[in-house]
């Protein structure tokens, strides 16, 4: 999206100041969200999420691997986001690569926890199979299909829905559980267990234009962004990660207020979102 004219800038800023945005929403109102799960049959779990004109897809693939170094009783999680060149003109070439990396890092900060795995969205110890030898590794891949702002939040919802949809096949150890030999397994794809997603967060981004900040910015509104704070919050109200974007500095008191507002919004927003995810398999995102 190109630069806005002076009249467009004034219109957007004036609307935000008066709590009446150009699409009729108030500052704390979200666009319509649609979610469908199980969209990639060959994945362990998947979901597609549309937030207004933003459209993203996430797949989760559970693979057998080795525990992370220094954490023999843990499994692993990896996140990688790509922006389709057809999603927006600015995604072509290096612009798409830089945004993909920025989104990946923001989601890693929110979902992967600390260096020792604490605070991760999924209890990584629940992914172990044979301590020190074999575990499940969840490979989370996201694709931005269409962009009209608020990509980080939309991707977080899609990841949560995809993890809710993910089943881990039953694994039976047939040899090598102890000793130096590599374990041998029988994997039963017909029988699977669901992940505990009670700690999986969503991201609420507050975008600041002028003196005011608001949720779920459109691409047009993001062009006016002075700064933005993205806060990952789970259903228990625990803050799992914070990411600041934009060149303008923010007073610490403003950042604290934005984090608090995002936390309160998430606590009222998540229950309805969880119900929507639970019913997502019967929802057509194009309807």
Protein backbone atom coordinates (compact mmCIF):
# COMPACT_ATOMS: atom_id res chain seq x y z
CA UNK A 1 0.00 0.00 0.00
CA UNK A 2 1.40 3.38 -1.01
CA UNK A 3 1.68 6.56 1.00
CA UNK A 4 -1.53 8.29 2.05
CA UNK A 5 -2.52 11.79 1.02
CA UNK A 6 -2.67 14.57 3.60
CA UNK A 7 -6.48 14.42 3.53
CA UNK A 8 -6.46 10.66 4.16
CA UNK A 9 -4.01 11.08 7.03
CA UNK A 10 -6.17 13.76 8.62
CA UNK A 11 -9.30 11.65 8.18
CA UNK A 12 -7.75 8.57 9.81
CA UNK A 13 -6.16 10.48 12.70
CA UNK A 14 -9.32 12.49 13.31
CA UNK A 15 -11.49 9.39 13.38
CA UNK A 16 -9.19 7.62 15.83
CA UNK A 17 -9.18 10.68 18.09
CA UNK A 18 -13.00 10.69 18.07
CA UNK A 19 -13.23 6.92 18.63
CA UNK A 20 -14.84 6.42 15.23
CA UNK A 21 -12.49 4.75 12.77
CA UNK A 22 -12.92 4.84 8.99
CA UNK A 23 -14.60 1.40 8.94
CA UNK A 24 -17.03 2.36 11.71
CA UNK A 25 -15.25 0.62 14.59
CA UNK A 26 -14.30 2.12 17.93
CA UNK A 27 -10.70 2.05 19.12
CA UNK A 28 -11.13 -1.24 21.01
CA UNK A 29 -13.32 -3.03 18.46
CA UNK A 30 -12.08 -5.97 16.38
CA UNK A 31 -12.99 -6.84 12.82
CA UNK A 32 -14.93 -10.02 12.12
CA UNK A 33 -12.85 -13.16 12.57
CA UNK A 34 -13.42 -16.50 10.83
CA UNK A 35 -11.52 -19.69 11.67
CA UNK A 36 -11.49 -23.13 10.08
CA UNK A 37 -9.32 -26.04 11.23
CA UNK A 38 -8.07 -29.17 9.53
CA UNK A 39 -7.39 -27.36 6.26
CA UNK A 40 -4.18 -29.32 5.50
CA UNK A 41 -4.96 -33.06 5.75
CA UNK A 42 -1.31 -34.20 5.68
CA UNK A 43 -0.39 -32.01 8.69
CA UNK A 44 -0.71 -33.05 12.34
CA UNK A 45 -2.88 -29.95 12.82
CA UNK A 46 -3.76 -26.86 10.80
CA UNK A 47 -5.94 -23.77 10.73
CA UNK A 48 -6.84 -20.82 8.56
CA UNK A 49 -7.79 -17.51 10.11
CA UNK A 50 -9.27 -14.42 8.47
CA UNK A 51 -9.34 -11.10 10.31
CA UNK A 52 -11.06 -8.62 8.03
CA UNK A 53 -8.99 -8.63 4.85
CA UNK A 54 -6.03 -10.38 6.49
CA UNK A 55 -5.84 -14.10 5.69
CA UNK A 56 -3.27 -16.47 7.22
CA UNK A 57 -2.78 -20.24 7.35
CA UNK A 58 -0.79 -22.31 9.85
CA UNK A 59 0.22 -25.97 9.83
CA UNK A 60 1.71 -28.01 12.67
CA UNK A 61 3.77 -31.08 11.86
CA UNK A 62 4.81 -33.40 14.71
CA UNK A 63 8.13 -35.06 13.95
CA UNK A 64 10.29 -37.47 15.96
CA UNK A 65 13.56 -35.83 16.94
CA UNK A 66 16.18 -35.42 19.64
CA UNK A 67 15.65 -33.35 22.82
CA UNK A 68 17.14 -29.83 22.89
CA UNK A 69 20.71 -29.63 24.16
CA UNK A 70 20.80 -29.55 27.95
CA UNK A 71 17.08 -30.42 28.28
CA UNK A 72 16.86 -34.23 28.05
CA UNK A 73 13.26 -34.37 29.33
CA UNK A 74 11.86 -31.82 26.87
CA UNK A 75 10.51 -31.90 23.36
CA UNK A 76 10.87 -29.05 20.91
CA UNK A 77 8.94 -26.37 19.04
CA UNK A 78 9.96 -24.40 15.97
CA UNK A 79 8.18 -21.52 14.22
CA UNK A 80 8.67 -20.22 10.69
CA UNK A 81 6.49 -17.66 8.92
CA UNK A 82 6.49 -16.83 5.22
CA UNK A 83 4.72 -14.00 3.42
CA UNK A 84 3.33 -14.90 0.03
CA UNK A 85 4.54 -12.43 -2.63
CA UNK A 86 0.94 -12.19 -3.83
CA UNK A 87 -0.31 -11.07 -0.38
CA UNK A 88 0.83 -7.47 -0.91
CA UNK A 89 3.12 -5.68 -3.39
CA UNK A 90 5.58 -4.81 -0.64
CA UNK A 91 6.06 -8.53 0.10
CA UNK A 92 7.94 -9.10 -3.15
CA UNK A 93 11.67 -9.67 -2.76
CA UNK A 94 13.52 -8.46 0.31
CA UNK A 95 10.48 -6.74 1.85
CA UNK A 96 8.72 -10.07 2.28
CA UNK A 97 11.84 -11.71 3.71
CA UNK A 98 12.30 -8.98 6.32
CA UNK A 99 8.65 -9.07 7.38
CA UNK A 100 8.70 -12.89 7.55
CA UNK A 101 11.69 -12.72 9.90
CA UNK A 102 10.08 -9.99 12.01
CA UNK A 103 6.85 -12.00 12.39
CA UNK A 104 8.77 -15.19 13.15
CA UNK A 105 10.76 -13.51 15.91
CA UNK A 106 7.68 -11.91 17.43
CA UNK A 107 5.89 -15.26 17.56
CA UNK A 108 8.96 -17.07 18.92
CA UNK A 109 9.11 -14.50 21.72
CA UNK A 110 5.47 -15.22 22.57
CA UNK A 111 5.24 -19.01 22.14
CA UNK A 112 8.65 -20.61 22.79
CA UNK A 113 9.34 -19.43 26.35
CA UNK A 114 12.75 -18.88 27.91
CA UNK A 115 16.08 -20.56 27.11
CA UNK A 116 15.23 -23.44 29.48
CA UNK A 117 11.78 -23.91 27.94
CA UNK A 118 9.92 -22.35 30.84
CA UNK A 119 6.86 -20.35 29.87
CA UNK A 120 6.44 -22.10 26.51
CA UNK A 121 2.92 -22.24 25.07
CA UNK A 122 3.02 -26.06 25.23
CA UNK A 123 4.48 -27.94 28.21
CA UNK A 124 7.59 -29.19 26.46
CA UNK A 125 8.03 -32.04 28.92
CA UNK A 126 4.76 -33.49 27.60
CA UNK A 127 6.52 -34.02 24.24
CA UNK A 128 9.22 -36.35 25.57
CA UNK A 129 9.20 -40.00 24.53
CA UNK A 130 12.53 -41.44 25.73
CA UNK A 131 14.45 -39.09 28.04
CA UNK A 132 17.67 -37.88 26.48
CA UNK A 133 17.02 -39.70 23.21
CA UNK A 134 13.72 -39.10 21.47
CA UNK A 135 10.91 -36.57 21.63
CA UNK A 136 8.25 -34.91 19.54
CA UNK A 137 9.26 -31.70 17.77
CA UNK A 138 6.38 -29.45 16.72
CA UNK A 139 7.21 -27.63 13.49
CA UNK A 140 4.85 -24.67 13.14
CA UNK A 141 4.75 -23.10 9.67
CA UNK A 142 2.67 -20.03 8.90
CA UNK A 143 1.82 -18.44 5.56
CA UNK A 144 0.42 -14.96 5.03
CA UNK A 145 -2.02 -15.26 2.11
CA UNK A 146 -3.44 -11.73 2.19
CA UNK A 147 -2.53 -8.72 4.29
CA UNK A 148 -4.74 -5.93 5.56
CA UNK A 149 -2.95 -5.24 8.83
CA UNK A 150 -2.59 -6.88 12.25
CA UNK A 151 -0.64 -9.88 10.95
CA UNK A 152 0.97 -10.85 14.26
CA UNK A 153 -2.37 -11.13 16.06
CA UNK A 154 -3.99 -13.08 13.22
CA UNK A 155 -1.08 -15.52 13.11
CA UNK A 156 -1.26 -16.04 16.87
CA UNK A 157 -4.95 -16.97 16.59
CA UNK A 158 -4.19 -19.35 13.71
CA UNK A 159 -1.37 -20.98 15.70
CA UNK A 160 -3.66 -21.47 18.70
CA UNK A 161 -6.36 -22.99 16.49
CA UNK A 162 -3.83 -25.24 14.71
CA UNK A 163 -2.38 -26.47 18.03
CA UNK A 164 -5.92 -27.16 19.26
CA UNK A 165 -6.39 -29.24 16.11
CA UNK A 166 -3.09 -31.11 16.52
CA UNK A 167 -2.97 -34.79 17.47
CA UNK A 168 0.18 -36.66 18.47
CA UNK A 169 0.18 -40.24 17.15
CA UNK A 170 0.47 -43.03 19.67
CA UNK A 171 4.08 -44.21 19.97
CA UNK A 172 5.07 -47.61 21.29
CA UNK A 173 8.70 -48.28 22.12
CA UNK A 174 9.62 -51.74 20.85
CA UNK A 175 13.39 -51.73 21.50
CA UNK A 176 16.25 -49.62 22.80
CA UNK A 177 14.54 -47.66 25.59
CA UNK A 178 17.58 -48.20 27.83
CA UNK A 179 21.24 -48.63 26.99
CA UNK A 180 23.26 -47.06 24.21
CA UNK A 181 21.29 -48.31 21.20
CA UNK A 182 18.84 -46.04 19.43
CA UNK A 183 15.20 -46.67 20.35
CA UNK A 184 12.87 -48.29 17.85
CA UNK A 185 9.23 -47.28 17.66
CA UNK A 186 5.91 -48.22 16.21
CA UNK A 187 3.82 -45.15 15.40
CA UNK A 188 0.06 -45.57 15.27
CA UNK A 189 -1.46 -42.74 13.23
CA UNK A 190 -4.95 -44.09 13.84
CA UNK A 191 -4.75 -43.32 17.57
CA UNK A 192 -3.64 -39.90 18.76
CA UNK A 193 -3.69 -37.64 21.81
CA UNK A 194 -4.47 -33.93 21.84
CA UNK A 195 -2.12 -31.27 23.15
CA UNK A 196 -2.80 -29.35 26.35
CA UNK A 197 -3.38 -25.85 24.97
CA UNK A 198 -4.40 -24.18 28.27
CA UNK A 199 -1.25 -22.00 28.26
CA UNK A 200 -1.30 -21.10 24.55
CA UNK A 201 -1.58 -17.30 24.21
CA UNK A 202 -3.04 -14.96 21.67
CA UNK A 203 -1.43 -11.65 20.81
CA UNK A 204 -3.16 -8.32 21.28
CA UNK A 205 -1.44 -5.46 19.46
CA UNK A 206 -2.17 -1.88 20.47
CA UNK A 207 -1.20 0.58 17.72
CA UNK A 208 -0.53 4.21 18.64
CA UNK A 209 -1.56 7.04 16.33
CA UNK A 210 -1.39 10.53 17.77
CA UNK A 211 -2.27 10.36 21.47
CA UNK A 212 -4.49 7.30 21.17
CA UNK A 213 -3.96 3.57 20.74
CA UNK A 214 -6.33 0.96 19.38
CA UNK A 215 -6.66 -2.75 18.51
CA UNK A 216 -6.69 -4.63 15.21
CA UNK A 217 -5.20 -1.97 12.95
CA UNK A 218 -5.84 -2.14 9.22
CA UNK A 219 -2.96 -1.77 6.76
CA UNK A 220 -4.08 1.80 6.11
CA UNK A 221 -4.01 2.61 9.82
CA UNK A 222 -0.59 0.99 10.23
CA UNK A 223 0.82 3.47 7.73
CA UNK A 224 0.11 6.14 10.37
CA UNK A 225 1.62 4.10 13.20
CA UNK A 226 4.04 5.91 15.47
CA UNK A 227 4.64 2.77 17.54
CA UNK A 228 2.89 -0.45 18.51
CA UNK A 229 3.08 -2.83 21.46
CA UNK A 230 2.12 -6.49 20.97
CA UNK A 231 1.30 -8.42 24.15
CA UNK A 232 0.91 -12.21 24.26
CA UNK A 233 -1.60 -13.27 26.93
CA UNK A 234 -3.02 -16.72 27.73
CA UNK A 235 -6.44 -17.56 29.16
CA UNK A 236 -5.05 -17.36 32.70
CA UNK A 237 -4.02 -13.76 32.15
CA UNK A 238 -0.31 -14.60 32.13
CA UNK A 239 1.78 -12.34 29.90
CA UNK A 240 3.92 -14.61 27.73
CA UNK A 241 5.77 -12.03 25.65
CA UNK A 242 5.92 -8.35 24.67
CA UNK A 243 7.11 -6.91 21.35
CA UNK A 244 7.46 -3.22 20.50
CA UNK A 245 7.51 -1.99 16.92
CA UNK A 246 7.88 1.44 15.38
CA UNK A 247 10.56 4.07 15.65
CA UNK A 248 8.96 6.39 18.20
CA UNK A 249 9.92 5.92 21.83
CA UNK A 250 7.26 5.41 24.47
CA UNK A 251 7.27 6.60 28.06
CA UNK A 252 7.54 3.60 30.42
CA UNK A 253 4.22 4.56 32.03
CA UNK A 254 2.53 4.45 28.61
CA UNK A 255 3.99 1.01 27.86
CA UNK A 256 2.80 -0.29 31.24
CA UNK A 257 -0.68 1.08 30.55
CA UNK A 258 -0.75 -0.47 27.08
CA UNK A 259 0.30 -3.86 28.47
CA UNK A 260 -2.40 -3.64 31.14
CA UNK A 261 -5.08 -2.69 28.60
CA UNK A 262 -4.02 -5.51 26.27
CA UNK A 263 -4.16 -7.97 29.16
CA UNK A 264 -7.69 -6.92 30.11
CA UNK A 265 -8.85 -7.06 26.48
CA UNK A 266 -7.42 -10.57 26.12
CA UNK A 267 -9.18 -11.83 29.24
CA UNK A 268 -12.57 -10.82 27.83
CA UNK A 269 -11.72 -11.82 24.26
CA UNK A 270 -10.22 -15.29 24.76
CA UNK A 271 -13.33 -17.13 26.08
CA UNK A 272 -15.35 -16.20 22.98
CA UNK A 273 -12.39 -17.01 20.74
CA UNK A 274 -11.96 -20.42 22.40
CA UNK A 275 -15.61 -21.22 21.68
CA UNK A 276 -15.13 -20.19 18.07
CA UNK A 277 -12.03 -22.38 17.73
CA UNK A 278 -13.86 -25.33 19.30
CA UNK A 279 -16.57 -25.03 16.66
CA UNK A 280 -14.19 -24.13 13.83
CA UNK A 281 -14.30 -27.43 11.95
CA UNK A 282 -17.89 -26.69 10.95
CA UNK A 283 -17.13 -23.12 9.88
CA UNK A 284 -16.43 -22.16 6.28
CA UNK A 285 -14.18 -19.05 6.26
CA UNK A 286 -15.58 -18.02 2.88
CA UNK A 287 -19.19 -18.00 4.09
